């Protein structure tokens, strides 16, 4: 139980870090990698499919 809680907290922190890092990119940089701002939450969560 405790281990699953720790994993859930770590996954949320990873998600937040990914959103933060992607949000710092300019629109041009996002476009260069085939993304736009609306894609950031899905990419950060690992559920993005192109």
N, C-alpha and C. Protein backbone atom coordinates (compact mmCIF):
# COMPACT_ATOMS: atom_id res chain seq x y z
N UNK A 1 0.83 -1.20 0.00
CA UNK A 1 0.00 0.00 0.00
C UNK A 1 0.87 1.26 0.00
N UNK A 2 1.82 1.30 0.88
CA UNK A 2 2.70 2.45 0.97
C UNK A 2 3.54 2.59 -0.30
N UNK A 3 3.99 1.46 -0.81
CA UNK A 3 4.80 1.49 -2.03
C UNK A 3 4.00 2.01 -3.22
N UNK A 4 2.74 1.64 -3.32
CA UNK A 4 1.91 2.14 -4.43
C UNK A 4 1.66 3.64 -4.28
N UNK A 5 1.52 4.13 -3.08
CA UNK A 5 1.35 5.56 -2.84
C UNK A 5 2.62 6.31 -3.25
N UNK A 6 3.76 5.76 -2.90
CA UNK A 6 5.03 6.39 -3.26
C UNK A 6 5.18 6.44 -4.78
N UNK A 7 4.82 5.36 -5.46
CA UNK A 7 4.89 5.33 -6.93
C UNK A 7 3.94 6.33 -7.55
N UNK A 8 2.76 6.48 -6.99
CA UNK A 8 1.79 7.43 -7.51
C UNK A 8 2.31 8.87 -7.34
N UNK A 9 2.89 9.17 -6.21
CA UNK A 9 3.46 10.50 -5.97
C UNK A 9 4.61 10.75 -6.94
N UNK A 10 5.47 9.76 -7.15
CA UNK A 10 6.59 9.92 -8.08
C UNK A 10 6.08 10.14 -9.50
N UNK A 11 5.06 9.41 -9.92
CA UNK A 11 4.50 9.58 -11.26
C UNK A 11 3.93 10.98 -11.43
N UNK A 12 3.27 11.50 -10.41
CA UNK A 12 2.72 12.85 -10.48
C UNK A 12 3.84 13.89 -10.58
N UNK A 13 4.90 13.69 -9.82
CA UNK A 13 6.04 14.61 -9.89
C UNK A 13 6.69 14.58 -11.28
N UNK A 14 6.81 13.39 -11.84
CA UNK A 14 7.37 13.26 -13.20
C UNK A 14 6.47 14.00 -14.19
N UNK A 15 5.17 13.84 -14.06
CA UNK A 15 4.22 14.52 -14.93
C UNK A 15 4.39 16.04 -14.83
N UNK A 16 4.44 16.55 -13.61
CA UNK A 16 4.60 17.99 -13.41
C UNK A 16 5.90 18.50 -14.00
N UNK A 17 6.98 17.75 -13.83
CA UNK A 17 8.28 18.15 -14.38
C UNK A 17 8.22 18.18 -15.90
N UNK A 18 7.60 17.17 -16.50
CA UNK A 18 7.49 17.12 -17.96
C UNK A 18 6.66 18.28 -18.49
N UNK A 19 5.54 18.59 -17.84
CA UNK A 19 4.71 19.72 -18.26
C UNK A 19 5.50 21.01 -18.14
N UNK A 20 6.22 21.17 -17.07
CA UNK A 20 7.01 22.39 -16.85
C UNK A 20 8.08 22.55 -17.93
N UNK A 21 8.80 21.49 -18.22
CA UNK A 21 9.86 21.57 -19.22
C UNK A 21 9.30 21.84 -20.61
N UNK A 22 8.23 21.16 -20.98
CA UNK A 22 7.64 21.38 -22.30
C UNK A 22 7.03 22.78 -22.41
N UNK A 23 6.48 23.28 -21.33
CA UNK A 23 5.86 24.61 -21.35
C UNK A 23 6.89 25.71 -21.55
N UNK A 24 8.12 25.44 -21.21
CA UNK A 24 9.17 26.43 -21.38
C UNK A 24 9.63 26.58 -22.83
N UNK A 25 9.26 25.61 -23.67
CA UNK A 25 9.64 25.69 -25.08
C UNK A 25 8.78 26.73 -25.79
N UNK A 26 9.36 27.36 -26.79
CA UNK A 26 8.60 28.32 -27.59
C UNK A 26 7.66 27.56 -28.52
N UNK A 27 6.70 28.29 -29.09
CA UNK A 27 5.78 27.67 -30.04
C UNK A 27 6.55 27.10 -31.23
N UNK A 28 7.58 27.80 -31.65
CA UNK A 28 8.41 27.34 -32.77
C UNK A 28 9.12 26.03 -32.42
N UNK A 29 9.68 25.96 -31.22
CA UNK A 29 10.37 24.74 -30.80
C UNK A 29 9.41 23.56 -30.70
N UNK A 30 8.22 23.83 -30.18
CA UNK A 30 7.21 22.76 -30.12
C UNK A 30 6.83 22.30 -31.52
N UNK A 31 6.65 23.24 -32.43
CA UNK A 31 6.30 22.90 -33.81
C UNK A 31 7.41 22.07 -34.46
N UNK A 32 8.65 22.38 -34.13
CA UNK A 32 9.78 21.63 -34.69
C UNK A 32 9.74 20.15 -34.30
N UNK A 33 9.19 19.86 -33.15
CA UNK A 33 9.09 18.45 -32.72
C UNK A 33 7.68 17.89 -32.93
N UNK A 34 6.86 18.64 -33.68
CA UNK A 34 5.55 18.14 -34.07
C UNK A 34 4.47 18.27 -33.02
N UNK A 35 4.61 19.23 -32.12
CA UNK A 35 3.64 19.42 -31.05
C UNK A 35 3.11 20.85 -31.05
N UNK A 36 1.98 21.03 -30.38
CA UNK A 36 1.53 22.37 -30.06
C UNK A 36 1.17 22.38 -28.57
N UNK A 37 0.83 23.53 -28.06
CA UNK A 37 0.61 23.65 -26.61
C UNK A 37 -0.49 22.72 -26.09
N UNK A 38 -1.50 22.46 -26.91
CA UNK A 38 -2.59 21.59 -26.49
C UNK A 38 -2.14 20.14 -26.29
N UNK A 39 -1.02 19.77 -26.89
CA UNK A 39 -0.50 18.41 -26.77
C UNK A 39 0.29 18.17 -25.49
N UNK A 40 0.71 19.22 -24.83
CA UNK A 40 1.61 19.09 -23.68
C UNK A 40 1.07 18.16 -22.60
N UNK A 41 -0.17 18.30 -22.14
CA UNK A 41 -0.62 17.38 -21.07
C UNK A 41 -0.59 15.91 -21.49
N UNK A 42 -0.96 15.62 -22.74
CA UNK A 42 -0.96 14.23 -23.20
C UNK A 42 0.47 13.69 -23.33
N UNK A 43 1.37 14.52 -23.82
CA UNK A 43 2.75 14.09 -23.95
C UNK A 43 3.35 13.85 -22.57
N UNK A 44 3.10 14.75 -21.66
CA UNK A 44 3.65 14.62 -20.30
C UNK A 44 3.10 13.39 -19.59
N UNK A 45 1.86 13.03 -19.89
CA UNK A 45 1.25 11.86 -19.26
C UNK A 45 1.64 10.56 -19.96
N UNK A 46 2.27 10.69 -21.13
CA UNK A 46 2.69 9.50 -21.86
C UNK A 46 1.57 8.86 -22.67
N UNK A 47 0.51 9.63 -22.94
CA UNK A 47 -0.62 9.06 -23.69
C UNK A 47 -0.75 9.67 -25.07
N UNK A 48 0.28 10.32 -25.55
CA UNK A 48 0.23 11.00 -26.84
C UNK A 48 0.46 10.00 -27.97
N UNK A 49 -0.42 10.05 -28.97
CA UNK A 49 -0.21 9.27 -30.19
C UNK A 49 -0.38 10.22 -31.36
N UNK A 50 0.53 10.15 -32.29
CA UNK A 50 0.45 11.06 -33.44
C UNK A 50 -0.25 10.42 -34.60
